[in-house]
């Protein structure tokens, strides 16, 4: 919401502006390729930004002053599909995702929060401005409708500009563009063979860009070359689509794992600080998100963990000390048995990979009654604490194990 107006996307392919006080619709903007709007709109300096299932990011004159305040998309509140308050308000735009930016009466760089997207796309990212006569394959876009007019950026008589193409594309010959496309294909095929799906997707996208630019440069009489390039484009698309799908799925899994691991680590921190209610909430969130990740991996037609997914959790919580006795969780009478067992630091705890999860070098102390069950639970959770914010998931079994550990934390929090 901004300036008394609520902005909401709909499955009927429209972005709506609604008066927050009266509930009256102020205007509607239909997506250019008629696909639903499921993402959360956000307003920055009078422009509403929203993504659509047509793979475009739209920037529409909101007809209001100011920016979003207190919105779920900015605060990452409980239940929202993303945790933007942890994201540093930055945006990565992969080359394979074509973003057509829309701003009324403005053909300048698309910006969010005062930061031009054009400033982050130079190294492997792409924003393409289209001319009015360049339309997406197999789609017939309609004119935007509704009370708020929006004009596609770059839909002028100016030539198409594509960031990510080789410098001097406008001057390159058809054969030079063709060679550049073939070089990109070699890179893509090599990356695909090593399961580097992100690099492969970017390279395939570049190849398609070069091929299409070459087609645009052809004389109408060059029918044979046109046919060859068209076949090359179709072949490249056939290779590109599965790679793009796998990369997007792995990206989604990475985001789920990042959220789950962050909540898991925050749960451990809260438990040690005796914030049991908060710990229980975080463990529940971690448990459920790990479970969602497991289901996503299991239902995929492809092994999405052929290469491990590295997660940087950035949980932001630091324990006051890594020395157990300095954490205030170890009764004085239990400190000596721990020290005798060589357990003085968190790093000294030997992680168990199976239930009941008690660290292997603590089990005997628990059996002898030298360590209470309550302290053993805390030490078990600490054996999973990751102060480096980094972890890696290379198999579904590792995710299942983490899910069970999060369930353990939830059960033992009160």
Protein backbone atom coordinates (compact mmCIF):
# COMPACT_ATOMS: atom_id res chain seq x y z
CA UNK A 1 0.00 0.00 0.00
CA UNK A 2 1.12 3.56 -0.68
CA UNK A 3 -0.61 6.92 -0.26
CA UNK A 4 -3.92 5.32 0.68
CA UNK A 5 -4.02 2.97 -2.29
CA UNK A 6 -3.73 -0.82 -2.13
CA UNK A 7 -2.14 -2.61 -5.09
CA UNK A 8 -2.95 -6.26 -5.66
CA UNK A 9 -2.35 -8.76 -8.45
CA UNK A 10 -5.01 -11.16 -9.66
CA UNK A 11 -5.34 -14.46 -11.51
CA UNK A 12 -7.43 -12.63 -14.12
CA UNK A 13 -4.11 -11.18 -15.43
CA UNK A 14 -4.62 -7.71 -13.94
CA UNK A 15 -2.90 -5.47 -11.45
CA UNK A 16 -5.53 -3.53 -9.50
CA UNK A 17 -5.32 -0.25 -7.60
CA UNK A 18 -7.96 -0.02 -4.87
CA UNK A 19 -8.79 2.84 -2.55
CA UNK A 20 -7.90 1.56 0.92
CA UNK A 21 -10.65 3.56 2.62
CA UNK A 22 -13.61 3.06 0.29
CA UNK A 23 -12.66 -0.20 -1.42
CA UNK A 24 -13.37 1.32 -4.82
CA UNK A 25 -11.28 0.25 -7.78
CA UNK A 26 -9.22 3.14 -9.13
CA UNK A 27 -7.73 1.42 -12.16
CA UNK A 28 -6.65 -1.91 -13.58
CA UNK A 29 -3.61 -2.76 -15.66
CA UNK A 30 -3.66 -5.94 -17.75
CA UNK A 31 -0.36 -7.74 -18.29
CA UNK A 32 0.92 -7.47 -21.82
CA UNK A 33 0.92 -11.22 -22.48
CA UNK A 34 -2.25 -11.99 -20.50
CA UNK A 35 -0.71 -14.02 -17.67
CA UNK A 36 -1.71 -13.95 -14.02
CA UNK A 37 -0.08 -11.75 -11.38
CA UNK A 38 0.79 -13.79 -8.30
CA UNK A 39 3.71 -11.80 -6.93
CA UNK A 40 3.35 -9.01 -4.38
CA UNK A 41 3.36 -5.50 -5.88
CA UNK A 42 5.55 -2.91 -4.23
CA UNK A 43 5.72 0.84 -4.82
CA UNK A 44 8.92 2.89 -5.06
CA UNK A 45 8.73 6.65 -5.64
CA UNK A 46 5.32 6.52 -7.30
CA UNK A 47 5.98 3.51 -9.51
CA UNK A 48 4.47 0.10 -8.73
CA UNK A 49 6.65 -2.90 -9.56
CA UNK A 50 5.18 -6.35 -9.99
CA UNK A 51 6.14 -9.63 -11.64
CA UNK A 52 3.85 -11.75 -13.79
CA UNK A 53 3.68 -15.37 -14.88
CA UNK A 54 4.52 -14.12 -18.38
CA UNK A 55 8.14 -13.83 -17.12
CA UNK A 56 8.07 -10.03 -17.18
CA UNK A 57 8.74 -7.46 -14.50
CA UNK A 58 6.35 -4.52 -14.89
CA UNK A 59 6.88 -0.95 -13.73
CA UNK A 60 3.62 1.00 -13.86
CA UNK A 61 2.91 4.60 -12.95
CA UNK A 62 0.96 4.08 -9.75
CA UNK A 63 -0.74 7.47 -9.79
CA UNK A 64 0.34 8.05 -6.18
CA UNK A 65 3.19 9.69 -4.31
CA UNK A 66 5.65 7.89 -2.08
CA UNK A 67 6.62 4.25 -1.63
CA UNK A 68 5.30 1.11 0.03
CA UNK A 69 5.21 1.34 3.81
CA UNK A 70 4.79 -1.56 6.20
CA UNK A 71 4.08 -4.02 3.39
CA UNK A 72 4.62 -7.75 3.73
CA UNK A 73 6.80 -7.79 0.64
CA UNK A 74 9.23 -5.34 2.23
CA UNK A 75 9.11 -6.68 5.78
CA UNK A 76 9.03 -10.39 4.97
CA UNK A 77 6.35 -11.01 7.56
CA UNK A 78 5.31 -14.49 8.69
CA UNK A 79 3.60 -16.35 5.89
CA UNK A 80 5.02 -14.28 3.08
CA UNK A 81 6.65 -16.32 0.33
CA UNK A 82 9.96 -14.45 0.56
CA UNK A 83 12.09 -12.98 3.35
CA UNK A 84 13.04 -9.66 1.80
CA UNK A 85 14.19 -8.10 5.05
CA UNK A 86 17.17 -10.45 4.85
CA UNK A 87 17.86 -9.91 1.17
CA UNK A 88 19.72 -6.60 1.28
CA UNK A 89 17.11 -5.18 -1.15
CA UNK A 90 19.13 -6.36 -4.15
CA UNK A 91 17.93 -8.02 -7.32
CA UNK A 92 19.60 -10.59 -9.55
CA UNK A 93 18.22 -10.80 -13.07
CA UNK A 94 19.49 -13.94 -14.87
CA UNK A 95 20.12 -13.63 -18.57
CA UNK A 96 17.67 -16.38 -19.45
CA UNK A 97 14.77 -14.42 -17.96
CA UNK A 98 13.53 -11.78 -20.37
CA UNK A 99 12.26 -8.77 -18.50
CA UNK A 100 10.35 -6.17 -20.46
CA UNK A 101 10.12 -3.05 -18.33
CA UNK A 102 7.09 -0.79 -18.45
CA UNK A 103 6.99 2.82 -17.30
CA UNK A 104 4.56 5.48 -18.45
CA UNK A 105 6.22 8.34 -20.34
CA UNK A 106 9.68 7.15 -19.40
CA UNK A 107 12.14 5.17 -21.47
CA UNK A 108 14.99 5.48 -19.00
CA UNK A 109 16.53 2.72 -16.87
CA UNK A 110 14.18 0.72 -14.70
CA UNK A 111 14.86 1.47 -11.04
CA UNK A 112 13.72 0.11 -7.70
CA UNK A 113 14.24 2.00 -4.50
CA UNK A 114 16.39 4.52 -6.33
CA UNK A 115 18.79 1.84 -7.62
CA UNK A 116 18.84 1.45 -11.38
CA UNK A 117 18.58 -2.16 -12.48
CA UNK A 118 20.77 -1.30 -15.40
CA UNK A 119 23.59 -0.94 -12.91
CA UNK A 120 23.52 -4.62 -11.97
CA UNK A 121 23.06 -6.30 -15.29
CA UNK A 122 26.47 -5.88 -16.87
CA UNK A 123 28.04 -9.16 -15.80
CA UNK A 124 25.85 -11.91 -17.10
CA UNK A 125 22.47 -10.29 -16.66
CA UNK A 126 20.10 -9.06 -19.31
CA UNK A 127 17.42 -6.44 -19.81
CA UNK A 128 16.10 -6.27 -23.34
CA UNK A 129 14.17 -3.38 -24.74
CA UNK A 130 11.80 -4.32 -27.52
CA UNK A 131 10.53 -2.48 -30.50
CA UNK A 132 6.80 -2.45 -31.09
CA UNK A 133 7.11 -4.91 -33.96
CA UNK A 134 9.08 -7.50 -31.97
CA UNK A 135 6.60 -9.84 -30.28
CA UNK A 136 7.13 -12.99 -28.30
CA UNK A 137 6.71 -16.26 -30.20
CA UNK A 138 3.27 -17.86 -30.09
CA UNK A 139 1.69 -14.86 -28.32
CA UNK A 140 -0.38 -11.95 -29.52
CA UNK A 141 -0.17 -9.18 -26.94
CA UNK A 142 -3.04 -6.77 -26.43
CA UNK A 143 -2.85 -3.12 -25.63
CA UNK A 144 -2.74 -2.43 -21.88
CA UNK A 145 -6.12 -1.33 -20.58
CA UNK A 146 -7.50 0.38 -17.55
CA UNK A 147 -7.29 3.70 -15.82
CA UNK A 148 -3.51 3.72 -15.56
CA UNK A 149 -1.73 3.84 -18.86
CA UNK A 150 1.63 2.17 -19.22
CA UNK A 151 4.04 2.17 -22.14
CA UNK A 152 6.59 -0.57 -22.76
CA UNK A 153 10.05 0.85 -22.33
CA UNK A 154 11.81 0.98 -25.65
CA UNK A 155 8.66 0.71 -27.79
CA UNK A 156 9.78 3.54 -29.99
CA UNK A 157 11.45 3.82 -33.36
CA UNK A 158 14.81 3.47 -31.69
CA UNK A 159 16.74 0.23 -32.34
CA UNK A 160 16.55 -2.63 -29.88
CA UNK A 161 19.12 -2.41 -27.10
CA UNK A 162 20.22 -5.60 -25.38
CA UNK A 163 22.61 -5.58 -22.45
CA UNK A 164 24.65 -8.76 -22.48
CA UNK A 165 25.23 -8.87 -26.25
CA UNK A 166 28.77 -8.47 -27.54
CA UNK A 167 29.91 -4.91 -27.89
CA UNK A 168 29.35 -3.66 -31.48
CA UNK A 169 26.43 -6.06 -32.14
CA UNK A 170 24.83 -3.22 -34.06
CA UNK A 171 27.81 -3.25 -36.43
CA UNK A 172 28.53 -6.99 -36.43
CA UNK A 173 27.92 -9.01 -39.56
CA UNK A 174 25.57 -11.96 -39.76
CA UNK A 175 28.50 -14.36 -39.84
CA UNK A 176 30.13 -12.71 -36.82
CA UNK A 177 26.88 -13.02 -34.87
CA UNK A 178 26.53 -16.61 -35.97
CA UNK A 179 30.05 -17.37 -34.77
CA UNK A 180 29.35 -15.67 -31.44
CA UNK A 181 26.22 -17.79 -31.06
CA UNK A 182 28.13 -21.00 -31.77
CA UNK A 183 30.79 -20.05 -29.21
CA UNK A 184 28.05 -19.45 -26.66
CA UNK A 185 26.57 -22.86 -27.50
CA UNK A 186 29.91 -24.54 -26.83
CA UNK A 187 30.04 -22.85 -23.45
CA UNK A 188 26.44 -23.87 -22.74
CA UNK A 189 26.98 -27.50 -23.70
CA UNK A 190 30.14 -27.72 -21.61
CA UNK A 191 28.43 -26.18 -18.59
CA UNK A 192 25.47 -28.50 -19.01
CA UNK A 193 27.73 -31.57 -19.02
CA UNK A 194 29.18 -30.48 -15.66
CA UNK A 195 25.69 -29.71 -14.25
CA UNK A 196 26.44 -26.00 -14.07
CA UNK A 197 22.89 -25.14 -15.04
CA UNK A 198 23.05 -21.42 -14.29
CA UNK A 199 26.02 -20.85 -16.59
CA UNK A 200 24.44 -23.09 -19.22
CA UNK A 201 21.16 -21.15 -19.14
CA UNK A 202 22.98 -17.82 -19.51
CA UNK A 203 25.05 -19.13 -22.41
CA UNK A 204 22.03 -20.57 -24.24
CA UNK A 205 20.29 -17.23 -23.79
CA UNK A 206 23.24 -15.40 -25.32
CA UNK A 207 23.27 -17.80 -28.24
CA UNK A 208 19.59 -17.15 -28.89
CA UNK A 209 20.18 -13.41 -28.71
CA UNK A 210 22.98 -13.57 -31.27
CA UNK A 211 21.02 -15.83 -33.60
CA UNK A 212 17.95 -13.61 -33.45
CA UNK A 213 20.02 -10.48 -34.07
CA UNK A 214 21.57 -12.19 -37.07
CA UNK A 215 18.10 -13.03 -38.41
CA UNK A 216 17.05 -9.40 -38.01
CA UNK A 217 20.05 -8.31 -40.09
CA UNK A 218 19.42 -10.70 -42.99
CA UNK A 219 18.35 -9.45 -46.39
CA UNK A 220 14.96 -10.72 -47.46
CA UNK A 221 16.60 -12.64 -50.32
CA UNK A 222 18.84 -14.70 -48.06
CA UNK A 223 16.25 -17.45 -47.64
CA UNK A 224 18.71 -20.30 -47.19
CA UNK A 225 20.61 -18.55 -44.42
CA UNK A 226 17.31 -17.54 -42.81
CA UNK A 227 16.21 -21.17 -42.76
CA UNK A 228 19.53 -22.30 -41.26
CA UNK A 229 19.38 -19.68 -38.53
CA UNK A 230 15.75 -20.49 -37.79
CA UNK A 231 16.62 -24.17 -37.37
CA UNK A 232 19.54 -23.21 -35.12
CA UNK A 233 17.22 -21.09 -32.99
CA UNK A 234 14.71 -23.92 -32.62
CA UNK A 235 17.44 -26.41 -31.72
CA UNK A 236 18.91 -24.02 -29.18
CA UNK A 237 15.50 -23.45 -27.61
CA UNK A 238 14.96 -27.20 -27.30
CA UNK A 239 18.23 -27.51 -25.36
CA UNK A 240 17.64 -24.31 -23.42
CA UNK A 241 14.18 -25.05 -21.99
CA UNK A 242 15.06 -28.11 -19.84
CA UNK A 243 18.21 -26.40 -18.58
CA UNK A 244 16.23 -23.30 -17.70
CA UNK A 245 13.64 -25.41 -15.89
CA UNK A 246 16.24 -27.28 -13.86
CA UNK A 247 18.06 -24.08 -12.99
CA UNK A 248 14.84 -22.41 -11.86
CA UNK A 249 13.90 -25.44 -9.77
CA UNK A 250 17.34 -25.54 -8.15
CA UNK A 251 17.07 -21.82 -7.46
CA UNK A 252 13.69 -22.34 -5.79
CA UNK A 253 15.10 -25.20 -3.71
CA UNK A 254 18.07 -23.06 -2.72
CA UNK A 255 15.74 -20.32 -1.51
CA UNK A 256 13.68 -22.81 0.49
CA UNK A 257 16.78 -24.34 2.05
CA UNK A 258 18.18 -20.92 2.86
CA UNK A 259 14.98 -19.91 4.65
CA UNK A 260 14.74 -23.24 6.46
CA UNK A 261 18.36 -23.26 7.59
CA UNK A 262 18.16 -19.65 8.76
CA UNK A 263 15.11 -20.43 10.87
CA UNK A 264 16.80 -23.55 12.21
CA UNK A 265 19.90 -21.66 13.33
CA UNK A 266 17.81 -18.88 14.85
CA UNK A 267 15.86 -21.53 16.73
CA UNK A 268 19.08 -22.88 18.24
CA UNK A 269 20.19 -19.39 19.27
CA UNK A 270 16.82 -18.66 20.84
CA UNK A 271 16.78 -21.99 22.71
CA UNK A 272 20.21 -21.31 24.22
CA UNK A 273 19.04 -17.84 25.26
CA UNK A 274 16.00 -19.46 26.93
CA UNK A 275 13.56 -17.81 24.50
CA UNK A 276 11.56 -20.98 24.23
CA UNK A 277 8.47 -19.61 22.47
CA UNK A 278 10.52 -17.91 19.78
CA UNK A 279 12.67 -21.03 19.42
CA UNK A 280 9.57 -23.19 18.98
CA UNK A 281 8.27 -20.89 16.22
CA UNK A 282 11.57 -20.93 14.36
CA UNK A 283 11.96 -24.71 14.63
CA UNK A 284 8.42 -25.19 13.35
CA UNK A 285 9.08 -22.92 10.38
CA UNK A 286 12.33 -24.76 9.65
CA UNK A 287 10.69 -28.18 9.96
CA UNK A 288 7.85 -27.27 7.60
CA UNK A 289 10.09 -25.61 5.02
CA UNK A 290 12.52 -28.53 4.97
CA UNK A 291 9.50 -30.78 4.42
CA UNK A 292 8.32 -28.59 1.53
CA UNK A 293 11.79 -28.84 0.00
CA UNK A 294 11.76 -32.63 0.30
CA UNK A 295 8.41 -32.82 -1.49
CA UNK A 296 9.69 -30.53 -4.26
CA UNK A 297 12.76 -32.67 -4.83
CA UNK A 298 10.78 -35.92 -4.75
CA UNK A 299 8.18 -34.78 -7.26
CA UNK A 300 10.70 -33.50 -9.81
CA UNK A 301 11.38 -35.55 -12.91
CA UNK A 302 15.05 -34.64 -12.62
CA UNK A 303 17.62 -35.24 -9.89
CA UNK A 304 17.91 -31.65 -8.72
CA UNK A 305 20.78 -32.42 -6.37
CA UNK A 306 23.22 -33.82 -8.95
CA UNK A 307 25.52 -31.09 -7.72
CA UNK A 308 25.24 -29.94 -4.09
CA UNK A 309 23.31 -26.78 -3.31
CA UNK A 310 25.28 -24.48 -1.04
CA UNK A 311 23.24 -22.42 1.37
CA UNK A 312 24.28 -19.19 3.04
CA UNK A 313 21.71 -18.90 5.80
CA UNK A 314 22.66 -15.43 7.15
CA UNK A 315 20.69 -16.02 10.33
CA UNK A 316 22.17 -12.90 11.90
CA UNK A 317 22.29 -14.41 15.37
CA UNK A 318 25.57 -14.75 17.19
CA UNK A 319 26.02 -16.68 20.38
CA UNK A 320 27.76 -14.68 23.12
CA UNK A 321 30.52 -17.30 23.24
CA UNK A 322 31.52 -20.62 21.76
CA UNK A 323 32.82 -21.76 25.15
CA UNK A 324 30.14 -23.85 26.80
CA UNK A 325 30.69 -22.66 30.36
CA UNK A 326 30.44 -19.03 29.22
CA UNK A 327 27.00 -19.55 27.72
CA UNK A 328 25.39 -19.91 31.15
CA UNK A 329 23.74 -23.19 30.20
CA UNK A 330 26.06 -25.61 32.01
CA UNK A 331 25.57 -26.01 35.77
CA UNK A 332 28.85 -25.80 37.62
CA UNK A 333 28.69 -29.43 38.77
CA UNK A 334 28.46 -30.60 35.13
CA UNK A 335 31.35 -28.52 33.86
CA UNK A 336 34.05 -30.81 35.24
CA UNK A 337 32.73 -34.04 33.66
CA UNK A 338 32.48 -32.23 30.33
CA UNK A 339 36.02 -30.92 30.62
CA UNK A 340 37.28 -34.41 31.53
CA UNK A 341 35.59 -35.69 28.34
CA UNK A 342 37.37 -32.99 26.33
CA UNK A 343 34.19 -31.05 25.68
CA UNK A 344 34.70 -27.37 26.43
CA UNK A 345 33.82 -25.67 23.15
CA UNK A 346 30.83 -26.03 20.83
CA UNK A 347 33.21 -27.39 18.19
CA UNK A 348 34.12 -30.25 20.57
CA UNK A 349 30.61 -31.69 20.34
CA UNK A 350 30.53 -34.74 18.06
CA UNK A 351 27.41 -34.56 15.91
CA UNK A 352 25.22 -37.64 15.80
CA UNK A 353 23.51 -38.31 12.47
CA UNK A 354 20.73 -40.54 13.79
CA UNK A 355 18.09 -40.27 16.54
CA UNK A 356 18.13 -39.81 19.46
CA UNK A 357 20.78 -37.31 18.23
CA UNK A 358 22.77 -36.95 21.48
CA UNK A 359 26.42 -36.14 20.59
CA UNK A 360 28.44 -39.36 20.75
CA UNK A 361 30.91 -37.92 23.27
CA UNK A 362 28.03 -36.91 25.55
CA UNK A 363 26.08 -40.17 25.51
CA UNK A 364 28.15 -41.88 28.19
CA UNK A 365 27.97 -38.85 30.48
CA UNK A 366 24.17 -38.89 30.17
CA UNK A 367 24.02 -42.63 30.89
CA UNK A 368 26.19 -42.15 34.00
CA UNK A 369 23.93 -39.35 35.22
CA UNK A 370 26.69 -36.73 35.08
CA UNK A 371 24.80 -34.69 32.50
CA UNK A 372 21.07 -34.04 32.87
CA UNK A 373 18.64 -34.70 30.04
CA UNK A 374 17.87 -30.96 29.79
CA UNK A 375 21.54 -30.04 29.34
CA UNK A 376 21.97 -32.95 26.93
CA UNK A 377 19.15 -31.50 24.79
CA UNK A 378 20.84 -28.10 24.70
CA UNK A 379 24.19 -29.67 23.81
CA UNK A 380 22.50 -31.69 21.07
CA UNK A 381 21.09 -28.54 19.50
CA UNK A 382 24.44 -26.77 19.84
CA UNK A 383 26.11 -29.64 17.98
CA UNK A 384 24.09 -28.49 14.94
CA UNK A 385 24.90 -24.81 15.33
CA UNK A 386 26.71 -23.32 12.35
CA UNK A 387 28.48 -20.09 13.13
CA UNK A 388 29.76 -19.74 9.56
CA UNK A 389 26.23 -19.45 8.11
CA UNK A 390 27.23 -21.95 5.41
CA UNK A 391 26.04 -25.48 4.74
CA UNK A 392 25.65 -27.77 1.77
CA UNK A 393 22.93 -30.16 0.70
CA UNK A 394 24.03 -32.78 -1.82
CA UNK A 395 21.32 -35.40 -1.36
CA UNK A 396 17.72 -35.61 -0.26
CA UNK A 397 18.88 -37.64 2.74
CA UNK A 398 20.71 -34.57 4.08
CA UNK A 399 17.52 -32.50 3.82
CA UNK A 400 15.49 -35.25 5.52
CA UNK A 401 18.02 -35.34 8.34
CA UNK A 402 17.78 -31.59 8.85
CA UNK A 403 13.99 -31.81 8.84
CA UNK A 404 14.11 -34.39 11.63
CA UNK A 405 16.57 -32.25 13.59
CA UNK A 406 14.25 -29.24 13.27
CA UNK A 407 11.37 -31.45 14.47
CA UNK A 408 13.54 -32.44 17.46
CA UNK A 409 14.08 -28.77 18.30
CA UNK A 410 10.35 -28.06 17.99
CA UNK A 411 9.43 -30.99 20.25
CA UNK A 412 11.91 -30.00 22.95
CA UNK A 413 11.01 -26.31 22.97
CA UNK A 414 8.26 -25.25 25.32
